[in-house]
Amino acid sequence: MQEKSFTRLDFDEAVALARQNPEAFEQYRLDTIETVISCASKQNQRRLRCLQWRIDQVRKRAPDPADACVKIYQMMWDSVTGKYGFIDIICNGNYPHRNAEDTASRAKVLALSDARKRK
């Protein structure tokens, strides 16, 4: 596991930076996220980058920061209480990889030779 150092701001310092210099705050935010992700195991880094991408997309699509916050909060609760969420896994043993056959049975796989014949 890599160890990177970064400047930690307390909440009031972060608020002040965001108000005084939004670009510097955004860079601080990105650097902090990258530092935290890079400290994770390689396997978790991929998952964390995917999760961060999803969060970034919610932020981009939201009309305002409060709406983004609510939607990200809902994502968090879905990961706890939704299908394949923490509670579902702990209480029911519904691990996503264990139920892959459910998804596979619903998918229709076409052979490439069939697709070429249709042209």
PDB file of N, CA and C in Angstrom:
ATOM      1  N   MET A   1       0.838  -1.164   0.000  1.00  0.00           N
ATOM      2  CA  MET A   1       0.000   0.000   0.000  1.00  0.00           C
ATOM      3  C   MET A   1       0.892   1.238   0.000  1.00  0.00           C
ATOM      4  N   GLN A   2       0.585   2.181  -0.889  1.00  0.00           N
ATOM      5  CA  GLN A   2       1.355   3.405  -0.970  1.00  0.00           C
ATOM      6  C   GLN A   2       0.918   4.361   0.126  1.00  0.00           C
ATOM      7  N   GLU A   3       1.845   5.181   0.506  1.00  0.00           N
ATOM      8  CA  GLU A   3       1.522   6.199   1.483  1.00  0.00           C
ATOM      9  C   GLU A   3       1.843   7.544   0.851  1.00  0.00           C
ATOM     10  N   LYS A   4       0.840   8.379   0.661  1.00  0.00           N
ATOM     11  CA  LYS A   4       1.041   9.713   0.121  1.00  0.00           C
ATOM     12  C   LYS A   4       0.607  10.704   1.182  1.00  0.00           C
ATOM     13  N   SER A   5       1.284  11.817   1.198  1.00  0.00           N
ATOM     14  CA  SER A   5       0.889  12.827   2.169  1.00  0.00           C
ATOM     15  C   SER A   5       0.121  13.928   1.450  1.00  0.00           C
ATOM     16  N   PHE A   6      -0.775  14.528   2.137  1.00  0.00           N
ATOM     17  CA  PHE A   6      -1.509  15.659   1.608  1.00  0.00           C
ATOM     18  C   PHE A   6      -1.888  16.556   2.773  1.00  0.00           C
ATOM     19  N   THR A   7      -2.147  17.787   2.458  1.00  0.00           N
ATOM     20  CA  THR A   7      -2.524  18.747   3.483  1.00  0.00           C
ATOM     21  C   THR A   7      -3.968  18.511   3.867  1.00  0.00           C
ATOM     22  N   ARG A   8      -4.183  18.323   5.133  1.00  0.00           N
ATOM     23  CA  ARG A   8      -5.555  18.152   5.604  1.00  0.00           C
ATOM     24  C   ARG A   8      -6.073  19.490   6.100  1.00  0.00           C
ATOM     25  N   LEU A   9      -7.209  19.865   5.591  1.00  0.00           N
ATOM     26  CA  LEU A   9      -7.858  21.087   6.036  1.00  0.00           C
ATOM     27  C   LEU A   9      -8.998  20.714   6.963  1.00  0.00           C
ATOM     28  N   ASP A  10      -9.179  21.492   8.008  1.00  0.00           N
ATOM     29  CA  ASP A  10     -10.382  21.254   8.799  1.00  0.00           C
ATOM     30  C   ASP A  10     -11.555  21.868   8.035  1.00  0.00           C
ATOM     31  N   PHE A  11     -12.747  21.643   8.512  1.00  0.00           N
ATOM     32  CA  PHE A  11     -13.943  22.059   7.784  1.00  0.00           C
ATOM     33  C   PHE A  11     -13.945  23.556   7.508  1.00  0.00           C
ATOM     34  N   ASP A  12     -13.637  24.359   8.519  1.00  0.00           N
ATOM     35  CA  ASP A  12     -13.662  25.816   8.345  1.00  0.00           C
ATOM     36  C   ASP A  12     -12.623  26.277   7.322  1.00  0.00           C
ATOM     37  N   GLU A  13     -11.451  25.659   7.332  1.00  0.00           N
ATOM     38  CA  GLU A  13     -10.422  26.002   6.346  1.00  0.00           C
ATOM     39  C   GLU A  13     -10.871  25.616   4.939  1.00  0.00           C
ATOM     40  N   ALA A  14     -11.519  24.469   4.819  1.00  0.00           N
ATOM     41  CA  ALA A  14     -12.006  24.030   3.510  1.00  0.00           C
ATOM     42  C   ALA A  14     -13.086  24.977   2.995  1.00  0.00           C
ATOM     43  N   VAL A  15     -13.984  25.394   3.867  1.00  0.00           N
ATOM     44  CA  VAL A  15     -15.035  26.348   3.475  1.00  0.00           C
ATOM     45  C   VAL A  15     -14.403  27.661   3.025  1.00  0.00           C
ATOM     46  N   ALA A  16     -13.434  28.137   3.788  1.00  0.00           N
ATOM     47  CA  ALA A  16     -12.766  29.395   3.437  1.00  0.00           C
ATOM     48  C   ALA A  16     -12.070  29.275   2.081  1.00  0.00           C
ATOM     49  N   LEU A  17     -11.382  28.162   1.842  1.00  0.00           N
ATOM     50  CA  LEU A  17     -10.708  27.954   0.561  1.00  0.00           C
ATOM     51  C   LEU A  17     -11.720  27.902  -0.577  1.00  0.00           C
ATOM     52  N   ALA A  18     -12.829  27.209  -0.378  1.00  0.00           N
ATOM     53  CA  ALA A  18     -13.858  27.104  -1.420  1.00  0.00           C
ATOM     54  C   ALA A  18     -14.439  28.475  -1.757  1.00  0.00           C
ATOM     55  N   ARG A  19     -14.608  29.318  -0.763  1.00  0.00           N
ATOM     56  CA  ARG A  19     -15.168  30.658  -1.007  1.00  0.00           C
ATOM     57  C   ARG A  19     -14.150  31.592  -1.659  1.00  0.00           C
ATOM     58  N   GLN A  20     -12.908  31.521  -1.187  1.00  0.00           N
ATOM     59  CA  GLN A  20     -11.887  32.457  -1.658  1.00  0.00           C
ATOM     60  C   GLN A  20     -11.281  32.044  -2.995  1.00  0.00           C
ATOM     61  N   ASN A  21     -11.147  30.746  -3.200  1.00  0.00           N
ATOM     62  CA  ASN A  21     -10.477  30.267  -4.404  1.00  0.00           C
ATOM     63  C   ASN A  21     -11.075  28.919  -4.815  1.00  0.00           C
ATOM     64  N   PRO A  22     -12.224  28.945  -5.507  1.00  0.00           N
ATOM     65  CA  PRO A  22     -12.899  27.691  -5.875  1.00  0.00           C
ATOM     66  C   PRO A  22     -12.026  26.736  -6.693  1.00  0.00           C
ATOM     67  N   GLU A  23     -11.173  27.278  -7.561  1.00  0.00           N
ATOM     68  CA  GLU A  23     -10.306  26.414  -8.372  1.00  0.00           C
ATOM     69  C   GLU A  23      -9.301  25.677  -7.491  1.00  0.00           C
ATOM     70  N   ALA A  24      -8.728  26.380  -6.519  1.00  0.00           N
ATOM     71  CA  ALA A  24      -7.775  25.743  -5.604  1.00  0.00           C
ATOM     72  C   ALA A  24      -8.475  24.702  -4.741  1.00  0.00           C
ATOM     73  N   PHE A  25      -9.707  25.001  -4.334  1.00  0.00           N
ATOM     74  CA  PHE A  25     -10.465  24.026  -3.543  1.00  0.00           C
ATOM     75  C   PHE A  25     -10.740  22.774  -4.366  1.00  0.00           C
ATOM     76  N   GLU A  26     -11.132  22.950  -5.620  1.00  0.00           N
ATOM     77  CA  GLU A  26     -11.412  21.798  -6.483  1.00  0.00           C
ATOM     78  C   GLU A  26     -10.156  20.954  -6.668  1.00  0.00           C
ATOM     79  N   GLN A  27      -9.016  21.605  -6.843  1.00  0.00           N
ATOM     80  CA  GLN A  27      -7.766  20.860  -6.976  1.00  0.00           C
ATOM     81  C   GLN A  27      -7.435  20.124  -5.681  1.00  0.00           C
ATOM     82  N   TYR A  28      -7.665  20.767  -4.550  1.00  0.00           N
ATOM     83  CA  TYR A  28      -7.457  20.126  -3.248  1.00  0.00           C
ATOM     84  C   TYR A  28      -8.364  18.896  -3.124  1.00  0.00           C
ATOM     85  N   ARG A  29      -9.626  19.048  -3.529  1.00  0.00           N
ATOM     86  CA  ARG A  29     -10.586  17.940  -3.466  1.00  0.00           C
ATOM     87  C   ARG A  29     -10.115  16.772  -4.328  1.00  0.00           C
ATOM     88  N   LEU A  30      -9.712  17.060  -5.559  1.00  0.00           N
ATOM     89  CA  LEU A  30      -9.249  16.006  -6.468  1.00  0.00           C
ATOM     90  C   LEU A  30      -7.979  15.333  -5.950  1.00  0.00           C
ATOM     91  N   ASP A  31      -7.045  16.132  -5.443  1.00  0.00           N
ATOM     92  CA  ASP A  31      -5.802  15.569  -4.901  1.00  0.00           C
ATOM     93  C   ASP A  31      -6.076  14.683  -3.696  1.00  0.00           C
ATOM     94  N   THR A  32      -6.989  15.118  -2.848  1.00  0.00           N
ATOM     95  CA  THR A  32      -7.331  14.340  -1.654  1.00  0.00           C
ATOM     96  C   THR A  32      -7.971  13.013  -2.041  1.00  0.00           C
ATOM     97  N   ILE A  33      -8.900  13.051  -2.986  1.00  0.00           N
ATOM     98  CA  ILE A  33      -9.550  11.822  -3.451  1.00  0.00           C
ATOM     99  C   ILE A  33      -8.510  10.873  -4.041  1.00  0.00           C
ATOM    100  N   GLU A  34      -7.633  11.395  -4.883  1.00  0.00           N
ATOM    101  CA  GLU A  34      -6.602  10.557  -5.511  1.00  0.00           C
ATOM    102  C   GLU A  34      -5.674   9.949  -4.465  1.00  0.00           C
ATOM    103  N   THR A  35      -5.318  10.718  -3.463  1.00  0.00           N
ATOM    104  CA  THR A  35      -4.441  10.206  -2.409  1.00  0.00           C
ATOM    105  C   THR A  35      -5.112   9.070  -1.652  1.00  0.00           C
ATOM    106  N   VAL A  36      -6.369   9.258  -1.309  1.00  0.00           N
ATOM    107  CA  VAL A  36      -7.093   8.222  -0.563  1.00  0.00           C
ATOM    108  C   VAL A  36      -7.236   6.959  -1.409  1.00  0.00           C
ATOM    109  N   ILE A  37      -7.609   7.108  -2.671  1.00  0.00           N
ATOM    110  CA  ILE A  37      -7.773   5.940  -3.545  1.00  0.00           C
ATOM    111  C   ILE A  37      -6.440   5.223  -3.749  1.00  0.00           C
ATOM    112  N   SER A  38      -5.370   5.970  -3.940  1.00  0.00           N
ATOM    113  CA  SER A  38      -4.074   5.334  -4.204  1.00  0.00           C
ATOM    114  C   SER A  38      -3.523   4.604  -2.982  1.00  0.00           C
ATOM    115  N   CYS A  39      -4.053   4.882  -1.808  1.00  0.00           N
ATOM    116  CA  CYS A  39      -3.627   4.170  -0.596  1.00  0.00           C
ATOM    117  C   CYS A  39      -4.347   2.827  -0.436  1.00  0.00           C
ATOM    118  N   ALA A  40      -5.374   2.596  -1.232  1.00  0.00           N
ATOM    119  CA  ALA A  40      -6.132   1.344  -1.148  1.00  0.00           C
ATOM    120  C   ALA A  40      -5.409   0.240  -1.917  1.00  0.00           C
ATOM    121  N   SER A  41      -5.834  -1.006  -1.696  1.00  0.00           N
ATOM    122  CA  SER A  41      -5.267  -2.126  -2.449  1.00  0.00           C
ATOM    123  C   SER A  41      -5.611  -1.962  -3.928  1.00  0.00           C
ATOM    124  N   LYS A  42      -4.848  -2.610  -4.794  1.00  0.00           N
ATOM    125  CA  LYS A  42      -5.086  -2.503  -6.241  1.00  0.00           C
ATOM    126  C   LYS A  42      -6.517  -2.899  -6.598  1.00  0.00           C
ATOM    127  N   GLN A  43      -7.008  -3.986  -5.982  1.00  0.00           N
ATOM    128  CA  GLN A  43      -8.368  -4.447  -6.252  1.00  0.00           C
ATOM    129  C   GLN A  43      -9.383  -3.377  -5.852  1.00  0.00           C
ATOM    130  N   ASN A  44      -9.198  -2.788  -4.691  1.00  0.00           N
ATOM    131  CA  ASN A  44     -10.136  -1.770  -4.233  1.00  0.00           C
ATOM    132  C   ASN A  44      -9.980  -0.457  -4.979  1.00  0.00           C
ATOM    133  N   GLN A  45      -8.783  -0.170  -5.489  1.00  0.00           N
ATOM    134  CA  GLN A  45      -8.589   1.065  -6.247  1.00  0.00           C
ATOM    135  C   GLN A  45      -9.520   1.115  -7.449  1.00  0.00           C
ATOM    136  N   ARG A  46      -9.631   0.009  -8.151  1.00  0.00           N
ATOM    137  CA  ARG A  46     -10.504  -0.024  -9.335  1.00  0.00           C
ATOM    138  C   ARG A  46     -11.947   0.259  -8.938  1.00  0.00           C
ATOM    139  N   ARG A  47     -12.400  -0.393  -7.889  1.00  0.00           N
ATOM    140  CA  ARG A  47     -13.776  -0.197  -7.424  1.00  0.00           C
ATOM    141  C   ARG A  47     -13.994   1.236  -6.940  1.00  0.00           C
ATOM    142  N   LEU A  48     -13.011   1.775  -6.233  1.00  0.00           N
ATOM    143  CA  LEU A  48     -13.132   3.143  -5.729  1.00  0.00           C
ATOM    144  C   LEU A  48     -13.144   4.156  -6.870  1.00  0.00           C
ATOM    145  N   ARG A  49     -12.337   3.913  -7.901  1.00  0.00           N
ATOM    146  CA  ARG A  49     -12.342   4.829  -9.051  1.00  0.00           C
ATOM    147  C   ARG A  49     -13.693   4.784  -9.773  1.00  0.00           C
ATOM    148  N   CYS A  50     -14.262   3.601  -9.884  1.00  0.00           N
ATOM    149  CA  CYS A  50     -15.594   3.480 -10.501  1.00  0.00           C
ATOM    150  C   CYS A  50     -16.642   4.207  -9.664  1.00  0.00           C
ATOM    151  N   LEU A  51     -16.574   4.024  -8.362  1.00  0.00           N
ATOM    152  CA  LEU A  51     -17.512   4.712  -7.473  1.00  0.00           C
ATOM    153  C   LEU A  51     -17.324   6.219  -7.559  1.00  0.00           C
ATOM    154  N   GLN A  52     -16.083   6.685  -7.571  1.00  0.00           N
ATOM    155  CA  GLN A  52     -15.841   8.125  -7.662  1.00  0.00           C
ATOM    156  C   GLN A  52     -16.343   8.673  -8.986  1.00  0.00           C
ATOM    157  N   TRP A  53     -16.201   7.887 -10.060  1.00  0.00           N
ATOM    158  CA  TRP A  53     -16.724   8.319 -11.357  1.00  0.00           C
ATOM    159  C   TRP A  53     -18.235   8.505 -11.277  1.00  0.00           C
ATOM    160  N   ARG A  54     -18.915   7.545 -10.646  1.00  0.00           N
ATOM    161  CA  ARG A  54     -20.373   7.656 -10.495  1.00  0.00           C
ATOM    162  C   ARG A  54     -20.747   8.901  -9.697  1.00  0.00           C
ATOM    163  N   ILE A  55     -20.024   9.152  -8.625  1.00  0.00           N
ATOM    164  CA  ILE A  55     -20.286  10.335  -7.803  1.00  0.00           C
ATOM    165  C   ILE A  55     -20.065  11.606  -8.621  1.00  0.00           C
ATOM    166  N   ASP A  56     -18.983  11.642  -9.380  1.00  0.00           N
ATOM    167  CA  ASP A  56     -18.697  12.817 -10.207  1.00  0.00           C
ATOM    168  C   ASP A  56     -19.796  13.054 -11.238  1.00  0.00           C
ATOM    169  N   GLN A  57     -20.336  11.978 -11.811  1.00  0.00           N
ATOM    170  CA  GLN A  57     -21.414  12.126 -12.790  1.00  0.00           C
ATOM    171  C   GLN A  57     -22.680  12.673 -12.140  1.00  0.00           C
ATOM    172  N   VAL A  58     -22.988  12.219 -10.940  1.00  0.00           N
ATOM    173  CA  VAL A  58     -24.148  12.754 -10.210  1.00  0.00           C
ATOM    174  C   VAL A  58     -23.940  14.243  -9.964  1.00  0.00           C
ATOM    175  N   ARG A  59     -22.749  14.625  -9.550  1.00  0.00           N
ATOM    176  CA  ARG A  59     -22.454  16.036  -9.286  1.00  0.00           C
ATOM    177  C   ARG A  59     -22.602  16.869 -10.556  1.00  0.00           C
ATOM    178  N   LYS A  60     -22.142  16.339 -11.696  1.00  0.00           N
ATOM    179  CA  LYS A  60     -22.219  17.087 -12.957  1.00  0.00           C
ATOM    180  C   LYS A  60     -23.661  17.287 -13.413  1.00  0.00           C
ATOM    181  N   ARG A  61     -24.486  16.263 -13.216  1.00  0.00           N
ATOM    182  CA  ARG A  61     -25.865  16.329 -13.701  1.00  0.00           C
ATOM    183  C   ARG A  61     -26.803  17.085 -12.776  1.00  0.00           C
ATOM    184  N   ALA A  62     -26.410  17.247 -11.536  1.00  0.00           N
ATOM    185  CA  ALA A  62     -27.290  17.889 -10.560  1.00  0.00           C
ATOM    186  C   ALA A  62     -27.397  19.387 -10.848  1.00  0.00           C
ATOM    187  N   PRO A  63     -28.604  19.934 -10.686  1.00  0.00           N
ATOM    188  CA  PRO A  63     -28.782  21.367 -10.940  1.00  0.00           C
ATOM    189  C   PRO A  63     -28.086  22.257  -9.906  1.00  0.00           C
ATOM    190  N   ASP A  64     -27.863  21.719  -8.709  1.00  0.00           N
ATOM    191  CA  ASP A  64     -27.197  22.501  -7.665  1.00  0.00           C
ATOM    192  C   ASP A  64     -26.545  21.545  -6.663  1.00  0.00           C
ATOM    193  N   PRO A  65     -25.631  22.045  -5.837  1.00  0.00           N
ATOM    194  CA  PRO A  65     -24.924  21.179  -4.887  1.00  0.00           C
ATOM    195  C   PRO A  65     -25.837  20.448  -3.904  1.00  0.00           C
ATOM    196  N   ALA A  66     -26.922  21.081  -3.480  1.00  0.00           N
ATOM    197  CA  ALA A  66     -27.833  20.418  -2.535  1.00  0.00           C
ATOM    198  C   ALA A  66     -28.477  19.194  -3.181  1.00  0.00           C
ATOM    199  N   ASP A  67     -28.884  19.325  -4.440  1.00  0.00           N
ATOM    200  CA  ASP A  67     -29.478  18.194  -5.152  1.00  0.00           C
ATOM    201  C   ASP A  67     -28.456  17.070  -5.320  1.00  0.00           C
ATOM    202  N   ALA A  68     -27.217  17.432  -5.645  1.00  0.00           N
ATOM    203  CA  ALA A  68     -26.155  16.425  -5.770  1.00  0.00           C
ATOM    204  C   ALA A  68     -25.960  15.700  -4.451  1.00  0.00           C
ATOM    205  N   CYS A  69     -25.970  16.451  -3.364  1.00  0.00           N
ATOM    206  CA  CYS A  69     -25.782  15.855  -2.039  1.00  0.00           C
ATOM    207  C   CYS A  69     -26.886  14.847  -1.735  1.00  0.00           C
ATOM    208  N   VAL A  70     -28.126  15.206  -2.032  1.00  0.00           N
ATOM    209  CA  VAL A  70     -29.257  14.309  -1.778  1.00  0.00           C
ATOM    210  C   VAL A  70     -29.128  13.044  -2.620  1.00  0.00           C
ATOM    211  N   LYS A  71     -28.772  13.189  -3.887  1.00  0.00           N
ATOM    212  CA  LYS A  71     -28.651  12.016  -4.764  1.00  0.00           C
ATOM    213  C   LYS A  71     -27.497  11.106  -4.342  1.00  0.00           C
ATOM    214  N   ILE A  72     -26.387  11.692  -3.934  1.00  0.00           N
ATOM    215  CA  ILE A  72     -25.255  10.886  -3.463  1.00  0.00           C
ATOM    216  C   ILE A  72     -25.620  10.190  -2.160  1.00  0.00           C
ATOM    217  N   TYR A  73     -26.365  10.875  -1.310  1.00  0.00           N
ATOM    218  CA  TYR A  73     -26.859  10.291  -0.056  1.00  0.00           C
ATOM    219  C   TYR A  73     -27.755   9.082  -0.366  1.00  0.00           C
ATOM    220  N   GLN A  74     -28.622   9.213  -1.369  1.00  0.00           N
ATOM    221  CA  GLN A  74     -29.482   8.094  -1.770  1.00  0.00           C
ATOM    222  C   GLN A  74     -28.649   6.928  -2.302  1.00  0.00           C
ATOM    223  N   MET A  75     -27.603   7.225  -3.062  1.00  0.00           N
ATOM    224  CA  MET A  75     -26.705   6.164  -3.546  1.00  0.00           C
ATOM    225  C   MET A  75     -26.097   5.410  -2.372  1.00  0.00           C
ATOM    226  N   MET A  76     -25.682   6.178  -1.363  1.00  0.00           N
ATOM    227  CA  MET A  76     -25.072   5.558  -0.186  1.00  0.00           C
ATOM    228  C   MET A  76     -26.067   4.624   0.494  1.00  0.00           C
ATOM    229  N   TRP A  77     -27.293   5.090   0.700  1.00  0.00           N
ATOM    230  CA  TRP A  77     -28.287   4.249   1.365  1.00  0.00           C
ATOM    231  C   TRP A  77     -28.662   3.040   0.519  1.00  0.00           C
ATOM    232  N   ASP A  78     -28.703   3.200  -0.792  1.00  0.00           N
ATOM    233  CA  ASP A  78     -28.968   2.051  -1.666  1.00  0.00           C
ATOM    234  C   ASP A  78     -27.882   0.993  -1.514  1.00  0.00           C
ATOM    235  N   SER A  79     -26.641   1.428  -1.319  1.00  0.00           N
ATOM    236  CA  SER A  79     -25.559   0.457  -1.147  1.00  0.00           C
ATOM    237  C   SER A  79     -25.666  -0.272   0.185  1.00  0.00           C
ATOM    238  N   VAL A  80     -26.428   0.283   1.104  1.00  0.00           N
ATOM    239  CA  VAL A  80     -26.640  -0.367   2.400  1.00  0.00           C
ATOM    240  C   VAL A  80     -27.925  -1.183   2.390  1.00  0.00           C
ATOM    241  N   THR A  81     -29.010  -0.592   1.890  1.00  0.00           N
ATOM    242  CA  THR A  81     -30.324  -1.230   2.024  1.00  0.00           C
ATOM    243  C   THR A  81     -30.879  -1.822   0.731  1.00  0.00           C
ATOM    244  N   GLY A  82     -30.276  -1.535  -0.415  1.00  0.00           N
ATOM    245  CA  GLY A  82     -30.809  -1.998  -1.687  1.00  0.00           C
ATOM    246  C   GLY A  82     -30.450  -3.441  -1.995  1.00  0.00           C
ATOM    247  N   LYS A  83     -30.891  -3.896  -3.183  1.00  0.00           N
ATOM    248  CA  LYS A  83     -30.557  -5.245  -3.627  1.00  0.00           C
ATOM    249  C   LYS A  83     -29.044  -5.356  -3.749  1.00  0.00           C
ATOM    250  N   TYR A  84     -28.481  -6.426  -3.218  1.00  0.00           N
ATOM    251  CA  TYR A  84     -27.040  -6.660  -3.126  1.00  0.00           C
ATOM    252  C   TYR A  84     -26.345  -5.623  -2.247  1.00  0.00           C
ATOM    253  N   GLY A  85     -27.115  -4.902  -1.454  1.00  0.00           N
ATOM    254  CA  GLY A  85     -26.533  -3.962  -0.505  1.00  0.00           C
ATOM    255  C   GLY A  85     -26.015  -4.699   0.713  1.00  0.00           C
ATOM    256  N   PHE A  86     -25.423  -3.946   1.611  1.00  0.00           N
ATOM    257  CA  PHE A  86     -24.803  -4.521   2.799  1.00  0.00           C
ATOM    258  C   PHE A  86     -25.775  -5.399   3.584  1.00  0.00           C
ATOM    259  N   ILE A  87     -26.976  -4.902   3.825  1.00  0.00           N
ATOM    260  CA  ILE A  87     -27.950  -5.661   4.623  1.00  0.00           C
ATOM    261  C   ILE A  87     -28.382  -6.923   3.885  1.00  0.00           C
ATOM    262  N   ASP A  88     -28.618  -6.822   2.589  1.00  0.00           N
ATOM    263  CA  ASP A  88     -29.022  -7.981   1.794  1.00  0.00           C
ATOM    264  C   ASP A  88     -27.933  -9.054   1.816  1.00  0.00           C
ATOM    265  N   ILE A  89     -26.699  -8.632   1.711  1.00  0.00           N
ATOM    266  CA  ILE A  89     -25.591  -9.592   1.724  1.00  0.00           C
ATOM    267  C   ILE A  89     -25.462 -10.248   3.089  1.00  0.00           C
ATOM    268  N   ILE A  90     -25.504  -9.440   4.145  1.00  0.00           N
ATOM    269  CA  ILE A  90     -25.331  -9.970   5.498  1.00  0.00           C
ATOM    270  C   ILE A  90     -26.500 -10.868   5.902  1.00  0.00           C
ATOM    271  N   CYS A  91     -27.716 -10.419   5.643  1.00  0.00           N
ATOM    272  CA  CYS A  91     -28.897 -11.172   6.101  1.00  0.00           C
ATOM    273  C   CYS A  91     -29.267 -12.334   5.189  1.00  0.00           C
ATOM    274  N   ASN A  92     -29.093 -12.167   3.886  1.00  0.00           N
ATOM    275  CA  ASN A  92     -29.581 -13.169   2.935  1.00  0.00           C
ATOM    276  C   ASN A  92     -28.478 -13.877   2.161  1.00  0.00           C
ATOM    277  N   GLY A  93     -27.262 -13.424   2.290  1.00  0.00           N
ATOM    278  CA  GLY A  93     -26.164 -14.036   1.542  1.00  0.00           C
ATOM    279  C   GLY A  93     -26.253 -13.787   0.056  1.00  0.00           C
ATOM    280  N   ASN A  94     -26.932 -12.730  -0.358  1.00  0.00           N
ATOM    281  CA  ASN A  94     -27.103 -12.429  -1.781  1.00  0.00           C
ATOM    282  C   ASN A  94     -25.907 -11.668  -2.331  1.00  0.00           C
ATOM    283  N   TYR A  95     -24.822 -12.385  -2.527  1.00  0.00           N
ATOM    284  CA  TYR A  95     -23.647 -11.772  -3.129  1.00  0.00           C
ATOM    285  C   TYR A  95     -23.877 -11.681  -4.624  1.00  0.00           C
ATOM    286  N   PRO A  96     -23.559 -10.566  -5.265  1.00  0.00           N
ATOM    287  CA  PRO A  96     -23.799 -10.421  -6.707  1.00  0.00           C
ATOM    288  C   PRO A  96     -23.155 -11.524  -7.534  1.00  0.00           C
ATOM    289  N   HIS A  97     -21.924 -11.920  -7.215  1.00  0.00           N
ATOM    290  CA  HIS A  97     -21.254 -12.936  -8.030  1.00  0.00           C
ATOM    291  C   HIS A  97     -21.882 -14.314  -7.853  1.00  0.00           C
ATOM    292  N   ARG A  98     -22.583 -14.538  -6.772  1.00  0.00           N
ATOM    293  CA  ARG A  98     -23.227 -15.843  -6.576  1.00  0.00           C
ATOM    294  C   ARG A  98     -24.505 -15.967  -7.391  1.00  0.00           C
ATOM    295  N   ASN A  99     -25.079 -14.850  -7.783  1.00  0.00           N
ATOM    296  CA  ASN A  99     -26.323 -14.874  -8.539  1.00  0.00           C
ATOM    297  C   ASN A  99     -26.101 -14.535 -10.007  1.00  0.00           C
ATOM    298  N   ALA A 100     -24.888 -14.726 -10.491  1.00  0.00           N
ATOM    299  CA  ALA A 100     -24.579 -14.412 -11.885  1.00  0.00           C
ATOM    300  C   ALA A 100     -25.404 -15.266 -12.841  1.00  0.00           C
ATOM    301  N   GLU A 101     -25.741 -16.480 -12.425  1.00  0.00           N
ATOM    302  CA  GLU A 101     -26.525 -17.345 -13.313  1.00  0.00           C
ATOM    303  C   GLU A 101     -27.927 -16.780 -13.554  1.00  0.00           C
ATOM    304  N   ASP A 102     -28.460 -15.994 -12.594  1.00  0.00           N
ATOM    305  CA  ASP A 102     -29.764 -15.360 -12.804  1.00  0.00           C
ATOM    306  C   ASP A 102     -29.699 -14.392 -13.978  1.00  0.00           C
ATOM    307  N   THR A 103     -28.669 -13.583 -14.015  1.00  0.00           N
ATOM    308  CA  THR A 103     -28.498 -12.617 -15.087  1.00  0.00           C
ATOM    309  C   THR A 103     -28.217 -13.330 -16.400  1.00  0.00           C
ATOM    310  N   ALA A 104     -27.370 -14.333 -16.358  1.00  0.00           N
ATOM    311  CA  ALA A 104     -27.004 -15.049 -17.578  1.00  0.00           C
ATOM    312  C   ALA A 104     -28.207 -15.738 -18.201  1.00  0.00           C
ATOM    313  N   SER A 105     -29.114 -16.255 -17.389  1.00  0.00           N
ATOM    314  CA  SER A 105     -30.263 -16.965 -17.946  1.00  0.00           C
ATOM    315  C   SER A 105     -31.227 -16.022 -18.659  1.00  0.00           C
ATOM    316  N   ARG A 106     -31.196 -14.743 -18.325  1.00  0.00           N
ATOM    317  CA  ARG A 106     -32.083 -13.783 -18.973  1.00  0.00           C
ATOM    318  C   ARG A 106     -31.469 -13.171 -20.218  1.00  0.00           C
ATOM    319  N   ALA A 107     -30.162 -13.284 -20.369  1.00  0.00           N
ATOM    320  CA  ALA A 107     -29.485 -12.662 -21.499  1.00  0.00           C
ATOM    321  C   ALA A 107     -29.594 -13.557 -22.726  1.00  0.00           C
ATOM    322  N   LYS A 108     -29.788 -12.940 -23.871  1.00  0.00           N
ATOM    323  CA  LYS A 108     -29.819 -13.685 -25.119  1.00  0.00           C
ATOM    324  C   LYS A 108     -28.499 -13.427 -25.838  1.00  0.00           C
ATOM    325  N   VAL A 109     -27.734 -14.482 -26.025  1.00  0.00           N
ATOM    326  CA  VAL A 109     -26.427 -14.367 -26.664  1.00  0.00           C
ATOM    327  C   VAL A 109     -26.572 -14.781 -28.119  1.00  0.00           C
ATOM    328  N   LEU A 110     -26.125 -13.919 -28.992  1.00  0.00           N
ATOM    329  CA  LEU A 110     -26.189 -14.199 -30.424  1.00  0.00           C
ATOM    330  C   LEU A 110     -24.810 -14.587 -30.928  1.00  0.00           C
ATOM    331  N   ALA A 111     -24.778 -15.593 -31.759  1.00  0.00           N
ATOM    332  CA  ALA A 111     -23.515 -15.983 -32.379  1.00  0.00           C
ATOM    333  C   ALA A 111     -23.183 -14.977 -33.472  1.00  0.00           C
ATOM    334  N   LEU A 112     -21.916 -14.674 -33.661  1.00  0.00           N
ATOM    335  CA  LEU A 112     -21.526 -13.723 -34.696  1.00  0.00           C
ATOM    336  C   LEU A 112     -21.924 -14.208 -36.082  1.00  0.00           C
ATOM    337  N   SER A 113     -21.886 -15.515 -36.301  1.00  0.00           N
ATOM    338  CA  SER A 113     -22.262 -16.038 -37.614  1.00  0.00           C
ATOM    339  C   SER A 113     -23.726 -15.729 -37.908  1.00  0.00           C
ATOM    340  N   ASP A 114     -24.598 -15.751 -36.886  1.00  0.00           N
ATOM    341  CA  ASP A 114     -26.008 -15.408 -37.076  1.00  0.00           C
ATOM    342  C   ASP A 114     -26.160 -13.944 -37.464  1.00  0.00           C
ATOM    343  N   ALA A 115     -25.399 -13.084 -36.850  1.00  0.00           N
ATOM    344  CA  ALA A 115     -25.485 -11.657 -37.131  1.00  0.00           C
ATOM    345  C   ALA A 115     -25.010 -11.352 -38.547  1.00  0.00           C
ATOM    346  N   ARG A 116     -23.992 -12.053 -39.002  1.00  0.00           N
ATOM    347  CA  ARG A 116     -23.464 -11.817 -40.345  1.00  0.00           C
ATOM    348  C   ARG A 116     -24.462 -12.273 -41.410  1.00  0.00           C
ATOM    349  N   LYS A 117     -25.218 -13.342 -41.127  1.00  0.00           N
ATOM    350  CA  LYS A 117     -26.191 -13.861 -42.090  1.00  0.00           C
ATOM    351  C   LYS A 117     -27.330 -12.873 -42.296  1.00  0.00           C
ATOM    352  N   ARG A 118     -27.620 -12.052 -41.302  1.00  0.00           N
ATOM    353  CA  ARG A 118     -28.740 -11.110 -41.383  1.00  0.00           C
ATOM    354  C   ARG A 118     -28.446  -9.931 -42.297  1.00  0.00           C
ATOM    355  N   LYS A 119     -27.198  -9.682 -42.599  1.00  0.00           N
ATOM    356  CA  LYS A 119     -26.849  -8.513 -43.429  1.00  0.00           C
ATOM    357  C   LYS A 119     -27.278  -8.660 -44.833  1.00  0.00           C
TER     358      LYS A 119
END
